[in-house]
Amino acid sequence: MYPLQTLRLPRWLRFSLMTLAASFAMQACANVQVASQAPDFTLRAMKGANTRLQELRGRVVMVNFWATWCGPCRQEMPHLNRLHEKYNRAGLVLLGVNVDDDPGNAAAVATKLGIQFPVLLDTDKKVSDQYDLQAMPSTYLIDRDGKVRFVHRGYLNGYEALYEKQIRELLK
């Protein structure tokens, strides 16, 4: 393969190809893969202190990105509440990361839906970018060593059974 600089292409085309290649390389680095280390973050909690992912090592963590405008997110929340209630004492930490611009909307919907697990606020979308958010909701199951073990993009009825199976596997 020849470096782009040595090819006899117009300068604008070489520049465009190099920019495109760099963009793909950055996307590949940003994409959270199964078995990769979960990107660390610190976010403000809707209630209580800031939460840092790295401080949760030793526990199984489920990170669920959601938004108030997302219908499937709202549909999924009661199921996530049940998983939180059932497995919290066994070592599961469920974090709901809200991506709305207005924390007031997040608080209102969280209250309306009766969310019992911590809701973190990603209003500037930095954590969403770290996790290469491509669908809403998106859920990441992270093992006790801080590695991503399962990634779910979107939500369909019945996913909660799969979540539960994977949670039990990680809690063993």
N, C-alpha and C. Protein backbone atom coordinates (compact mmCIF):
# COMPACT_ATOMS: atom_id res chain seq x y z
N MET A 1 0.84 -1.17 0.00
CA MET A 1 0.00 0.00 0.00
C MET A 1 0.90 1.25 0.00
N TYR A 2 0.51 2.25 -0.75
CA TYR A 2 1.30 3.47 -0.87
C TYR A 2 0.76 4.55 0.06
N PRO A 3 1.66 5.29 0.70
CA PRO A 3 1.18 6.43 1.49
C PRO A 3 0.46 7.42 0.57
N LEU A 4 -0.56 8.07 1.10
CA LEU A 4 -1.35 9.00 0.29
C LEU A 4 -0.51 10.13 -0.29
N GLN A 5 0.54 10.54 0.41
CA GLN A 5 1.35 11.65 -0.08
C GLN A 5 2.10 11.28 -1.36
N THR A 6 2.40 9.98 -1.58
CA THR A 6 3.18 9.59 -2.75
C THR A 6 2.32 9.32 -3.97
N LEU A 7 1.02 9.18 -3.78
CA LEU A 7 0.14 8.94 -4.92
C LEU A 7 0.00 10.21 -5.75
N ARG A 8 -0.14 10.05 -7.04
CA ARG A 8 -0.30 11.20 -7.93
C ARG A 8 -1.78 11.54 -8.03
N LEU A 9 -2.26 12.17 -6.98
CA LEU A 9 -3.65 12.61 -6.91
C LEU A 9 -3.65 14.10 -6.66
N PRO A 10 -4.71 14.76 -7.08
CA PRO A 10 -4.80 16.20 -6.76
C PRO A 10 -4.70 16.40 -5.24
N ARG A 11 -4.08 17.50 -4.88
CA ARG A 11 -3.85 17.79 -3.47
C ARG A 11 -5.15 17.77 -2.66
N TRP A 12 -6.23 18.34 -3.19
CA TRP A 12 -7.50 18.39 -2.47
C TRP A 12 -8.03 16.98 -2.20
N LEU A 13 -7.81 16.06 -3.17
CA LEU A 13 -8.30 14.69 -2.99
C LEU A 13 -7.46 13.95 -1.94
N ARG A 14 -6.13 14.16 -1.96
CA ARG A 14 -5.27 13.55 -0.95
C ARG A 14 -5.68 14.03 0.44
N PHE A 15 -5.92 15.34 0.57
CA PHE A 15 -6.33 15.91 1.85
C PHE A 15 -7.66 15.31 2.30
N SER A 16 -8.61 15.19 1.37
CA SER A 16 -9.92 14.63 1.70
C SER A 16 -9.80 13.18 2.15
N LEU A 17 -8.97 12.41 1.47
CA LEU A 17 -8.78 11.01 1.83
C LEU A 17 -8.10 10.88 3.19
N MET A 18 -7.12 11.74 3.47
CA MET A 18 -6.44 11.70 4.77
C MET A 18 -7.41 12.09 5.88
N THR A 19 -8.25 13.08 5.63
CA THR A 19 -9.24 13.50 6.63
C THR A 19 -10.23 12.38 6.91
N LEU A 20 -10.68 11.73 5.85
CA LEU A 20 -11.61 10.61 5.98
C LEU A 20 -10.97 9.46 6.77
N ALA A 21 -9.73 9.14 6.46
CA ALA A 21 -9.02 8.07 7.16
C ALA A 21 -8.86 8.41 8.64
N ALA A 22 -8.52 9.65 8.94
CA ALA A 22 -8.36 10.07 10.34
C ALA A 22 -9.70 9.98 11.07
N SER A 23 -10.77 10.35 10.39
CA SER A 23 -12.10 10.28 11.00
C SER A 23 -12.46 8.85 11.36
N PHE A 24 -12.20 7.91 10.43
CA PHE A 24 -12.49 6.50 10.72
C PHE A 24 -11.63 5.99 11.86
N ALA A 25 -10.38 6.40 11.91
CA ALA A 25 -9.49 5.98 12.99
C ALA A 25 -9.99 6.49 14.33
N MET A 26 -10.45 7.73 14.40
CA MET A 26 -10.96 8.28 15.65
C MET A 26 -12.23 7.57 16.07
N GLN A 27 -13.09 7.25 15.10
CA GLN A 27 -14.33 6.54 15.43
C GLN A 27 -14.01 5.16 15.97
N ALA A 28 -13.03 4.48 15.37
CA ALA A 28 -12.67 3.15 15.83
C ALA A 28 -12.15 3.21 17.26
N CYS A 29 -11.40 4.25 17.60
CA CYS A 29 -10.88 4.39 18.96
C CYS A 29 -12.00 4.70 19.94
N ALA A 30 -12.99 5.47 19.51
CA ALA A 30 -14.05 5.90 20.40
C ALA A 30 -15.09 4.80 20.64
N ASN A 31 -15.18 3.85 19.74
CA ASN A 31 -16.19 2.82 19.82
C ASN A 31 -15.91 1.88 20.99
N VAL A 32 -16.85 1.74 21.90
CA VAL A 32 -16.69 0.87 23.05
C VAL A 32 -16.99 -0.56 22.59
N GLN A 33 -16.02 -1.42 22.72
CA GLN A 33 -16.14 -2.80 22.29
C GLN A 33 -16.34 -3.73 23.48
N VAL A 34 -16.99 -4.86 23.25
CA VAL A 34 -17.10 -5.88 24.27
C VAL A 34 -15.69 -6.35 24.61
N ALA A 35 -15.41 -6.55 25.89
CA ALA A 35 -14.12 -6.97 26.45
C ALA A 35 -13.11 -5.84 26.55
N SER A 36 -13.50 -4.62 26.15
CA SER A 36 -12.60 -3.48 26.33
C SER A 36 -12.88 -2.85 27.69
N GLN A 37 -11.91 -2.10 28.18
CA GLN A 37 -12.08 -1.39 29.44
C GLN A 37 -13.17 -0.33 29.26
N ALA A 38 -14.10 -0.25 30.17
CA ALA A 38 -15.17 0.76 30.09
C ALA A 38 -14.54 2.13 30.31
N PRO A 39 -14.82 3.09 29.44
CA PRO A 39 -14.29 4.44 29.65
C PRO A 39 -14.77 5.00 31.00
N ASP A 40 -13.82 5.53 31.76
CA ASP A 40 -14.16 6.09 33.06
C ASP A 40 -14.86 7.44 32.87
N PHE A 41 -15.72 7.78 33.81
CA PHE A 41 -16.38 9.08 33.78
C PHE A 41 -16.79 9.46 35.19
N THR A 42 -17.00 10.74 35.37
CA THR A 42 -17.60 11.27 36.59
C THR A 42 -18.76 12.15 36.16
N LEU A 43 -19.94 11.89 36.71
CA LEU A 43 -21.13 12.68 36.38
C LEU A 43 -21.85 13.09 37.64
N ARG A 44 -22.51 14.22 37.53
CA ARG A 44 -23.34 14.73 38.62
C ARG A 44 -24.61 13.89 38.69
N ALA A 45 -24.93 13.47 39.89
CA ALA A 45 -26.15 12.71 40.11
C ALA A 45 -27.32 13.67 40.29
N MET A 46 -28.48 13.25 39.85
CA MET A 46 -29.67 14.07 40.01
C MET A 46 -29.95 14.28 41.50
N LYS A 47 -29.72 13.25 42.29
CA LYS A 47 -29.84 13.33 43.75
C LYS A 47 -28.55 12.78 44.34
N GLY A 48 -27.93 13.53 45.21
CA GLY A 48 -26.74 13.03 45.87
C GLY A 48 -25.46 13.53 45.23
N ALA A 49 -24.37 12.84 45.56
CA ALA A 49 -23.03 13.24 45.14
C ALA A 49 -22.73 12.81 43.70
N ASN A 50 -21.63 13.34 43.18
CA ASN A 50 -21.15 12.90 41.87
C ASN A 50 -20.82 11.41 41.93
N THR A 51 -20.90 10.76 40.77
CA THR A 51 -20.59 9.34 40.69
C THR A 51 -19.46 9.16 39.69
N ARG A 52 -18.44 8.40 40.12
CA ARG A 52 -17.32 8.06 39.23
C ARG A 52 -17.35 6.56 38.98
N LEU A 53 -17.34 6.18 37.72
CA LEU A 53 -17.44 4.77 37.36
C LEU A 53 -16.32 3.95 37.98
N GLN A 54 -15.10 4.45 37.91
CA GLN A 54 -13.95 3.69 38.41
C GLN A 54 -14.08 3.34 39.89
N GLU A 55 -14.78 4.15 40.64
CA GLU A 55 -14.97 3.88 42.07
C GLU A 55 -15.91 2.71 42.33
N LEU A 56 -16.54 2.21 41.28
CA LEU A 56 -17.48 1.10 41.42
C LEU A 56 -16.85 -0.25 41.09
N ARG A 57 -15.52 -0.25 40.87
CA ARG A 57 -14.82 -1.52 40.61
C ARG A 57 -15.12 -2.51 41.71
N GLY A 58 -15.23 -3.77 41.34
CA GLY A 58 -15.58 -4.80 42.31
C GLY A 58 -17.07 -5.10 42.31
N ARG A 59 -17.83 -4.27 41.60
CA ARG A 59 -19.27 -4.49 41.48
C ARG A 59 -19.62 -4.60 40.00
N VAL A 60 -20.70 -5.26 39.70
CA VAL A 60 -21.22 -5.32 38.33
C VAL A 60 -22.01 -4.03 38.11
N VAL A 61 -21.75 -3.35 36.99
CA VAL A 61 -22.39 -2.06 36.73
C VAL A 61 -23.16 -2.14 35.41
N MET A 62 -24.39 -1.68 35.46
CA MET A 62 -25.21 -1.54 34.26
C MET A 62 -25.38 -0.05 34.03
N VAL A 63 -24.89 0.42 32.89
CA VAL A 63 -25.01 1.84 32.53
C VAL A 63 -26.04 1.92 31.41
N ASN A 64 -27.13 2.63 31.68
CA ASN A 64 -28.21 2.77 30.72
C ASN A 64 -28.34 4.24 30.32
N PHE A 65 -28.06 4.54 29.05
CA PHE A 65 -28.22 5.90 28.53
C PHE A 65 -29.66 6.06 28.07
N TRP A 66 -30.31 7.15 28.50
CA TRP A 66 -31.72 7.37 28.16
C TRP A 66 -32.00 8.86 28.02
N ALA A 67 -33.16 9.15 27.44
CA ALA A 67 -33.60 10.54 27.27
C ALA A 67 -35.10 10.60 27.49
N THR A 68 -35.58 11.76 27.89
CA THR A 68 -37.01 11.93 28.18
C THR A 68 -37.86 11.82 26.92
N TRP A 69 -37.30 12.17 25.77
CA TRP A 69 -38.04 12.15 24.51
C TRP A 69 -38.07 10.76 23.87
N CYS A 70 -37.42 9.79 24.48
CA CYS A 70 -37.26 8.44 23.91
C CYS A 70 -38.35 7.51 24.44
N GLY A 71 -39.28 7.13 23.58
CA GLY A 71 -40.37 6.23 23.96
C GLY A 71 -39.88 4.88 24.49
N PRO A 72 -38.98 4.20 23.76
CA PRO A 72 -38.48 2.92 24.28
C PRO A 72 -37.77 3.06 25.62
N CYS A 73 -37.13 4.20 25.87
CA CYS A 73 -36.48 4.43 27.18
C CYS A 73 -37.52 4.39 28.28
N ARG A 74 -38.62 5.09 28.07
CA ARG A 74 -39.69 5.13 29.07
C ARG A 74 -40.30 3.74 29.27
N GLN A 75 -40.43 3.00 28.19
CA GLN A 75 -40.98 1.65 28.26
C GLN A 75 -40.06 0.72 29.06
N GLU A 76 -38.77 0.93 28.95
CA GLU A 76 -37.78 0.07 29.59
C GLU A 76 -37.62 0.34 31.08
N MET A 77 -37.87 1.57 31.52
CA MET A 77 -37.59 1.98 32.90
C MET A 77 -38.20 1.11 33.98
N PRO A 78 -39.48 0.71 33.91
CA PRO A 78 -40.02 -0.15 34.96
C PRO A 78 -39.26 -1.48 35.08
N HIS A 79 -38.82 -2.01 33.95
CA HIS A 79 -38.05 -3.26 33.96
C HIS A 79 -36.69 -3.05 34.64
N LEU A 80 -36.06 -1.91 34.34
CA LEU A 80 -34.78 -1.60 34.97
C LEU A 80 -34.94 -1.41 36.47
N ASN A 81 -36.04 -0.78 36.88
CA ASN A 81 -36.32 -0.64 38.32
C ASN A 81 -36.39 -2.01 39.00
N ARG A 82 -37.08 -2.95 38.36
CA ARG A 82 -37.21 -4.29 38.94
C ARG A 82 -35.84 -4.97 39.04
N LEU A 83 -35.02 -4.83 38.00
CA LEU A 83 -33.67 -5.42 38.05
C LEU A 83 -32.84 -4.79 39.16
N HIS A 84 -32.96 -3.48 39.31
CA HIS A 84 -32.23 -2.78 40.37
C HIS A 84 -32.66 -3.30 41.74
N GLU A 85 -33.95 -3.40 41.96
CA GLU A 85 -34.46 -3.87 43.24
C GLU A 85 -34.04 -5.31 43.53
N LYS A 86 -34.05 -6.14 42.49
CA LYS A 86 -33.76 -7.57 42.67
C LYS A 86 -32.27 -7.85 42.89
N TYR A 87 -31.39 -7.11 42.21
CA TYR A 87 -29.97 -7.46 42.22
C TYR A 87 -29.05 -6.45 42.90
N ASN A 88 -29.59 -5.37 43.42
CA ASN A 88 -28.76 -4.35 44.06
C ASN A 88 -27.97 -4.94 45.24
N ARG A 89 -28.62 -5.70 46.09
CA ARG A 89 -27.94 -6.29 47.26
C ARG A 89 -26.92 -7.35 46.86
N ALA A 90 -27.07 -7.92 45.67
CA ALA A 90 -26.14 -8.96 45.21
C ALA A 90 -24.90 -8.36 44.57
N GLY A 91 -24.87 -7.03 44.38
CA GLY A 91 -23.67 -6.40 43.83
C GLY A 91 -23.86 -5.67 42.52
N LEU A 92 -25.10 -5.51 42.06
CA LEU A 92 -25.35 -4.77 40.82
C LEU A 92 -25.54 -3.29 41.14
N VAL A 93 -24.87 -2.45 40.38
CA VAL A 93 -25.10 -1.00 40.43
C VAL A 93 -25.70 -0.62 39.09
N LEU A 94 -26.89 -0.07 39.11
CA LEU A 94 -27.55 0.37 37.89
C LEU A 94 -27.49 1.89 37.86
N LEU A 95 -26.93 2.42 36.78
CA LEU A 95 -26.81 3.88 36.61
C LEU A 95 -27.59 4.28 35.36
N GLY A 96 -28.53 5.19 35.53
CA GLY A 96 -29.24 5.75 34.39
C GLY A 96 -28.57 7.06 34.01
N VAL A 97 -28.03 7.14 32.81
CA VAL A 97 -27.36 8.35 32.36
C VAL A 97 -28.30 9.09 31.42
N ASN A 98 -28.82 10.21 31.90
CA ASN A 98 -29.75 10.99 31.09
C ASN A 98 -28.97 11.96 30.22
N VAL A 99 -29.37 12.07 28.94
CA VAL A 99 -28.64 12.90 27.98
C VAL A 99 -29.41 14.16 27.58
N ASP A 100 -30.48 14.49 28.28
CA ASP A 100 -31.24 15.69 27.98
C ASP A 100 -30.41 16.94 28.27
N ASP A 101 -30.71 18.02 27.55
CA ASP A 101 -30.05 19.30 27.81
C ASP A 101 -30.55 19.93 29.11
N ASP A 102 -31.80 19.69 29.45
CA ASP A 102 -32.42 20.31 30.61
C ASP A 102 -32.58 19.29 31.74
N PRO A 103 -31.79 19.41 32.82
CA PRO A 103 -31.91 18.47 33.94
C PRO A 103 -33.30 18.47 34.58
N GLY A 104 -34.02 19.59 34.46
CA GLY A 104 -35.38 19.65 35.00
C GLY A 104 -36.31 18.66 34.32
N ASN A 105 -36.18 18.50 33.00
CA ASN A 105 -36.98 17.49 32.28
C ASN A 105 -36.65 16.09 32.78
N ALA A 106 -35.35 15.83 32.95
CA ALA A 106 -34.93 14.51 33.43
C ALA A 106 -35.52 14.22 34.81
N ALA A 107 -35.46 15.20 35.70
CA ALA A 107 -35.99 15.02 37.06
C ALA A 107 -37.49 14.76 37.04
N ALA A 108 -38.21 15.50 36.21
CA ALA A 108 -39.67 15.33 36.14
C ALA A 108 -40.04 13.94 35.64
N VAL A 109 -39.38 13.50 34.58
CA VAL A 109 -39.70 12.18 34.01
C VAL A 109 -39.24 11.07 34.96
N ALA A 110 -38.08 11.23 35.57
CA ALA A 110 -37.60 10.21 36.52
C ALA A 110 -38.58 10.05 37.68
N THR A 111 -39.10 11.16 38.16
CA THR A 111 -40.09 11.11 39.24
C THR A 111 -41.37 10.45 38.76
N LYS A 112 -41.84 10.86 37.59
CA LYS A 112 -43.07 10.29 37.02
C LYS A 112 -42.96 8.78 36.82
N LEU A 113 -41.79 8.32 36.37
CA LEU A 113 -41.58 6.89 36.12
C LEU A 113 -41.19 6.12 37.38
N GLY A 114 -40.95 6.83 38.47
CA GLY A 114 -40.61 6.17 39.73
C GLY A 114 -39.23 5.50 39.72
N ILE A 115 -38.28 6.11 39.04
CA ILE A 115 -36.94 5.52 38.95
C ILE A 115 -36.30 5.49 40.33
N GLN A 116 -35.84 4.30 40.74
CA GLN A 116 -35.26 4.09 42.05
C GLN A 116 -33.73 4.07 42.03
N PHE A 117 -33.14 3.86 40.88
CA PHE A 117 -31.68 3.81 40.77
C PHE A 117 -31.14 5.21 40.49
N PRO A 118 -29.83 5.43 40.70
CA PRO A 118 -29.26 6.76 40.48
C PRO A 118 -29.39 7.22 39.03
N VAL A 119 -29.79 8.46 38.87
CA VAL A 119 -29.84 9.09 37.54
C VAL A 119 -28.72 10.11 37.48
N LEU A 120 -27.83 9.93 36.51
CA LEU A 120 -26.71 10.84 36.30
C LEU A 120 -27.01 11.73 35.12
N LEU A 121 -26.46 12.93 35.13
CA LEU A 121 -26.78 13.93 34.10
C LEU A 121 -25.58 14.17 33.17
N ASP A 122 -25.79 13.88 31.89
CA ASP A 122 -24.76 14.08 30.87
C ASP A 122 -25.23 15.18 29.92
N THR A 123 -25.46 16.38 30.46
CA THR A 123 -26.01 17.47 29.66
C THR A 123 -25.06 17.95 28.57
N ASP A 124 -23.75 17.81 28.79
CA ASP A 124 -22.80 18.26 27.75
C ASP A 124 -22.43 17.15 26.77
N LYS A 125 -22.95 15.96 26.97
CA LYS A 125 -22.80 14.80 26.06
C LYS A 125 -21.38 14.25 25.98
N LYS A 126 -20.52 14.61 26.90
CA LYS A 126 -19.13 14.11 26.86
C LYS A 126 -19.07 12.61 27.09
N VAL A 127 -19.84 12.11 28.04
CA VAL A 127 -19.83 10.67 28.32
C VAL A 127 -20.51 9.92 27.18
N SER A 128 -21.58 10.47 26.66
CA SER A 128 -22.26 9.86 25.51
C SER A 128 -21.30 9.71 24.34
N ASP A 129 -20.46 10.72 24.12
CA ASP A 129 -19.46 10.66 23.06
C ASP A 129 -18.42 9.58 23.36
N GLN A 130 -17.98 9.50 24.63
CA GLN A 130 -17.01 8.47 25.02
C GLN A 130 -17.54 7.07 24.71
N TYR A 131 -18.82 6.88 24.92
CA TYR A 131 -19.43 5.57 24.72
C TYR A 131 -20.00 5.39 23.31
N ASP A 132 -19.74 6.35 22.44
CA ASP A 132 -20.14 6.25 21.04
C ASP A 132 -21.63 5.91 20.92
N LEU A 133 -22.44 6.70 21.61
CA LEU A 133 -23.88 6.46 21.64
C LEU A 133 -24.46 6.53 20.24
N GLN A 134 -25.09 5.44 19.80
CA GLN A 134 -25.65 5.35 18.45
C GLN A 134 -27.14 5.12 18.44
N ALA A 135 -27.70 4.73 19.57
CA ALA A 135 -29.14 4.44 19.65
C ALA A 135 -29.61 4.75 21.06
N MET A 136 -30.89 5.01 21.16
CA MET A 136 -31.49 5.28 22.47
C MET A 136 -32.58 4.25 22.71
N PRO A 137 -32.62 3.65 23.87
CA PRO A 137 -31.59 3.67 24.89
C PRO A 137 -30.40 2.80 24.48
N SER A 138 -29.29 2.96 25.16
CA SER A 138 -28.13 2.09 25.00
C SER A 138 -27.71 1.63 26.39
N THR A 139 -27.42 0.34 26.50
CA THR A 139 -27.12 -0.25 27.79
C THR A 139 -25.80 -1.01 27.72
N TYR A 140 -24.96 -0.77 28.72
CA TYR A 140 -23.65 -1.41 28.81
C TYR A 140 -23.57 -2.15 30.13
N LEU A 141 -23.24 -3.44 30.07
CA LEU A 141 -23.02 -4.23 31.29
C LEU A 141 -21.52 -4.38 31.47
N ILE A 142 -21.05 -3.96 32.63
CA ILE A 142 -19.62 -3.89 32.93
C ILE A 142 -19.32 -4.83 34.09
N ASP A 143 -18.28 -5.66 33.92
CA ASP A 143 -17.96 -6.64 34.96
C ASP A 143 -17.22 -6.02 36.14
N ARG A 144 -16.90 -6.83 37.12
CA ARG A 144 -16.26 -6.36 38.35
C ARG A 144 -14.86 -5.76 38.11
N ASP A 145 -14.24 -6.13 36.99
CA ASP A 145 -12.91 -5.61 36.65
C ASP A 145 -12.97 -4.35 35.78
N GLY A 146 -14.17 -3.87 35.49
CA GLY A 146 -14.32 -2.65 34.71
C GLY A 146 -14.33 -2.88 33.20
N LYS A 147 -14.53 -4.12 32.77
CA LYS A 147 -14.57 -4.42 31.33
C LYS A 147 -16.01 -4.53 30.85
N VAL A 148 -16.25 -3.99 29.66
CA VAL A 148 -17.57 -4.08 29.04
C VAL A 148 -17.78 -5.52 28.60
N ARG A 149 -18.86 -6.13 29.05
CA ARG A 149 -19.14 -7.52 28.69
C ARG A 149 -20.32 -7.66 27.73
N PHE A 150 -21.27 -6.74 27.83
CA PHE A 150 -22.44 -6.80 26.95
C PHE A 150 -22.84 -5.38 26.56
N VAL A 151 -23.23 -5.20 25.30
CA VAL A 151 -23.71 -3.91 24.80
C VAL A 151 -25.05 -4.14 24.12
N HIS A 152 -26.02 -3.32 24.49
CA HIS A 152 -27.36 -3.39 23.88
C HIS A 152 -27.71 -2.00 23.36
N ARG A 153 -27.99 -1.92 22.08
CA ARG A 153 -28.38 -0.64 21.47
C ARG A 153 -29.87 -0.73 21.11
N GLY A 154 -30.65 0.18 21.71
CA GLY A 154 -32.09 0.15 21.51
C GLY A 154 -32.75 -0.73 22.56
N TYR A 155 -34.06 -0.83 22.46
CA TYR A 155 -34.81 -1.66 23.40
C TYR A 155 -36.04 -2.21 22.70
N LEU A 156 -36.28 -3.50 22.91
CA LEU A 156 -37.50 -4.16 22.48
C LEU A 156 -38.05 -4.94 23.66
N ASN A 157 -39.35 -5.11 23.70
CA ASN A 157 -39.98 -5.90 24.76
C ASN A 157 -39.27 -7.25 24.87
N GLY A 158 -38.94 -7.65 26.06
CA GLY A 158 -38.28 -8.93 26.28
C GLY A 158 -36.79 -8.82 26.54
N TYR A 159 -36.18 -7.68 26.23
CA TYR A 159 -34.75 -7.50 26.50
C TYR A 159 -34.43 -7.70 27.97
N GLU A 160 -35.40 -7.37 28.85
CA GLU A 160 -35.15 -7.46 30.28
C GLU A 160 -34.80 -8.89 30.70
N ALA A 161 -35.35 -9.89 30.03
CA ALA A 161 -35.00 -11.28 30.34
C ALA A 161 -33.54 -11.55 29.99
N LEU A 162 -33.10 -11.00 28.87
CA LEU A 162 -31.70 -11.14 28.47
C LEU A 162 -30.80 -10.39 29.44
N TYR A 163 -31.20 -9.17 29.82
CA TYR A 163 -30.44 -8.41 30.81
C TYR A 163 -30.26 -9.24 32.08
N GLU A 164 -31.37 -9.82 32.56
CA GLU A 164 -31.32 -10.57 33.81
C GLU A 164 -30.37 -11.76 33.70
N LYS A 165 -30.43 -12.47 32.60
CA LYS A 165 -29.53 -13.60 32.38
C LYS A 165 -28.07 -13.15 32.42
N GLN A 166 -27.77 -12.04 31.75
CA GLN A 166 -26.40 -11.54 31.69
C GLN A 166 -25.95 -11.01 33.05
N ILE A 167 -26.83 -10.35 33.78
CA ILE A 167 -26.51 -9.86 35.12
C ILE A 167 -26.16 -11.02 36.03
N ARG A 168 -27.00 -12.06 36.01
CA ARG A 168 -26.73 -13.24 36.86
C ARG A 168 -25.39 -13.87 36.51
N GLU A 169 -25.09 -13.93 35.23
CA GLU A 169 -23.80 -14.49 34.79
C GLU A 169 -22.63 -13.68 35.34
N LEU A 170 -22.75 -12.35 35.30
CA LEU A 170 -21.67 -11.50 35.79
C LEU A 170 -21.56 -11.47 37.31
N LEU A 171 -22.66 -11.71 38.00
CA LEU A 171 -22.64 -11.70 39.47
C LEU A 171 -22.08 -13.00 40.06
N LYS A 172 -21.99 -14.05 39.26
CA LYS A 172 -21.47 -15.35 39.77
C LYS A 172 -20.07 -15.21 40.32
